[in-house]
Amino acid sequence: MPSRPPVHRAPRSATRQQQRRSTDARRYRENGELRRWYMRAAWRKRVRPDHLSSEPLCRICRVVFDRVELATDVHHTEPPTSWEKFLAGPFASLCADHHREITAAISHGRRPFHLMRNADGQPVAPLHDALWRELGAPTP
């Protein structure tokens, strides 16, 4: 019975899984303190619930798409540099999808283009540059 030919890899090249683990470990080392701040009781039991109760709707869904969606995540619009700034904000309430997209765009230094169109596919970016700056997203 024939067998699959071996997959050629350059000597000492890492597999995708090894590369992913290495990247995840590096990100954890770089953001370890920040990740620990999210686990503290002051954030989980006081600041986050207070902000979600004061602004319960996703800001992007409300402003850009004119729809009502409950916010599940609190987005830091300015990267916190200390524990005091982490708790003080400024914050924006976002649904999970928009928080994930905004965070990915910011971490990769790009603008979240697919969020720039309304439900009809019409571009809405020129009208909402201030909102993207407010959320901490890069502008062109």
Protein backbone atom coordinates (compact mmCIF):
# COMPACT_ATOMS: atom_id res chain seq x y z
CA MET A 1 0.00 0.00 0.00
CA PRO A 2 1.48 3.37 -0.96
CA SER A 3 2.25 5.85 1.78
CA ARG A 4 2.23 9.62 1.70
CA PRO A 5 5.50 11.19 0.69
CA PRO A 6 7.26 12.96 3.55
CA VAL A 7 6.69 16.68 3.99
CA HIS A 8 9.88 18.59 3.38
CA ARG A 9 10.78 21.17 6.01
CA ALA A 10 13.94 23.11 6.29
CA PRO A 11 16.12 22.00 9.19
CA ARG A 12 14.98 23.41 12.54
CA SER A 13 11.92 25.12 11.07
CA ALA A 14 9.05 25.32 13.50
CA THR A 15 5.64 23.95 12.70
CA ARG A 16 2.67 26.31 12.68
CA GLN A 17 1.57 25.00 16.05
CA GLN A 18 5.02 25.67 17.52
CA GLN A 19 5.05 29.15 15.99
CA ARG A 20 1.59 29.87 17.43
CA ARG A 21 2.64 28.67 20.90
CA SER A 22 5.75 30.83 20.72
CA THR A 23 3.71 33.89 19.70
CA ASP A 24 1.13 33.27 22.43
CA ALA A 25 3.89 32.91 25.04
CA ARG A 26 5.54 36.14 23.87
CA ARG A 27 2.23 38.03 24.00
CA TYR A 28 1.56 36.71 27.49
CA ARG A 29 4.99 37.84 28.68
CA GLU A 30 4.49 41.26 27.12
CA ASN A 31 0.95 41.70 28.48
CA GLY A 32 1.15 39.60 31.64
CA GLU A 33 0.60 42.45 34.05
CA LEU A 34 -2.27 43.82 31.99
CA ARG A 35 -3.89 40.39 31.89
CA ARG A 36 -3.63 40.13 35.68
CA TRP A 37 -5.37 43.50 36.06
CA TYR A 38 -8.44 42.12 34.26
CA MET A 39 -8.67 39.36 36.86
CA ARG A 40 -8.69 41.65 39.89
CA ALA A 41 -11.92 42.04 41.85
CA ALA A 42 -11.90 45.84 41.56
CA TRP A 43 -12.25 45.50 37.79
CA ARG A 44 -14.55 42.48 37.64
CA LYS A 45 -16.95 43.43 40.45
CA ARG A 46 -16.94 47.23 40.46
CA VAL A 47 -15.57 49.15 37.47
CA ARG A 48 -16.67 46.90 34.60
CA PRO A 49 -20.26 46.32 35.82
CA ASP A 50 -20.65 50.02 36.70
CA HIS A 51 -19.61 51.07 33.21
CA LEU A 52 -21.83 48.48 31.51
CA SER A 53 -24.80 49.64 33.57
CA SER A 54 -24.15 53.29 32.71
CA GLU A 55 -23.65 52.55 28.97
CA PRO A 56 -25.47 49.26 28.27
CA LEU A 57 -25.52 49.44 24.44
CA CYS A 58 -22.68 48.84 21.97
CA ARG A 59 -21.44 52.24 20.86
CA ILE A 60 -20.58 51.14 17.32
CA CYS A 61 -23.88 49.33 16.75
CA ARG A 62 -25.77 52.38 18.02
CA VAL A 63 -23.83 55.13 16.24
CA VAL A 64 -22.75 53.50 12.98
CA PHE A 65 -25.39 50.87 12.28
CA ASP A 66 -28.34 52.48 14.11
CA ARG A 67 -29.30 49.23 15.84
CA VAL A 68 -29.67 48.16 19.45
CA GLU A 69 -27.16 45.59 20.68
CA LEU A 70 -26.29 44.96 24.31
CA ALA A 71 -22.67 45.62 25.19
CA THR A 72 -20.76 42.75 26.72
CA ASP A 73 -17.22 44.19 26.76
CA VAL A 74 -15.64 47.34 28.12
CA HIS A 75 -12.99 48.73 25.78
CA HIS A 76 -10.14 50.90 27.06
CA THR A 77 -10.00 53.73 24.51
CA GLU A 78 -6.51 54.66 25.70
CA PRO A 79 -3.99 51.94 26.56
CA PRO A 80 -3.62 51.86 30.36
CA THR A 81 -0.11 52.42 31.64
CA SER A 82 -0.82 52.06 35.34
CA TRP A 83 -3.36 50.40 37.59
CA GLU A 84 -4.98 53.76 38.36
CA LYS A 85 -5.39 54.57 34.64
CA PHE A 86 -6.67 51.04 34.06
CA LEU A 87 -9.52 51.67 36.51
CA ALA A 88 -10.16 55.29 35.53
CA GLY A 89 -10.71 54.83 31.81
CA PRO A 90 -11.77 56.28 29.43
CA PHE A 91 -13.99 53.39 28.36
CA ALA A 92 -16.39 52.48 25.56
CA SER A 93 -19.03 49.77 25.80
CA LEU A 94 -18.93 47.39 22.83
CA CYS A 95 -20.52 44.11 21.81
CA ALA A 96 -18.13 41.15 21.65
CA ASP A 97 -17.83 41.21 17.84
CA HIS A 98 -16.94 44.89 17.63
CA HIS A 99 -14.58 44.70 20.61
CA ARG A 100 -12.72 41.81 18.99
CA GLU A 101 -12.45 43.65 15.67
CA ILE A 102 -11.38 46.99 17.17
CA THR A 103 -8.78 45.30 19.39
CA ALA A 104 -7.37 43.28 16.47
CA ALA A 105 -7.21 46.37 14.28
CA ILE A 106 -5.40 48.38 16.93
CA SER A 107 -2.92 45.61 17.71
CA HIS A 108 -2.10 45.21 14.00
CA GLY A 109 -1.94 48.95 13.37
CA ARG A 110 -4.72 49.01 10.79
CA ARG A 111 -8.18 50.44 10.50
CA PRO A 112 -11.14 48.05 10.85
CA PHE A 113 -12.36 48.46 7.27
CA HIS A 114 -15.17 45.93 7.28
CA LEU A 115 -16.82 47.86 10.13
CA MET A 116 -16.91 50.92 7.89
CA ARG A 117 -20.00 49.85 5.92
CA ASN A 118 -23.61 49.87 7.00
CA ALA A 119 -26.09 47.01 6.49
CA ASP A 120 -26.72 48.13 2.88
CA GLY A 121 -22.99 48.03 2.11
CA GLN A 122 -22.66 51.81 1.89
CA PRO A 123 -19.41 53.27 3.26
CA VAL A 124 -19.85 55.25 6.46
CA ALA A 125 -16.21 55.95 7.38
CA PRO A 126 -16.03 59.65 6.43
CA LEU A 127 -18.85 60.45 8.83
CA HIS A 128 -17.41 58.53 11.75
CA ASP A 129 -13.68 59.24 11.85
CA ALA A 130 -14.17 60.88 15.23
CA LEU A 131 -15.70 57.68 16.60
CA TRP A 132 -12.74 55.59 15.41
CA ARG A 133 -10.28 58.03 16.96
CA GLU A 134 -12.34 57.97 20.16
CA LEU A 135 -12.09 54.16 20.25
CA GLY A 136 -8.34 54.32 19.78
CA ALA A 137 -8.33 52.89 16.25
CA PRO A 138 -5.71 54.15 13.79
CA THR A 139 -6.87 56.66 11.20
CA PRO A 140 -5.50 56.93 7.66
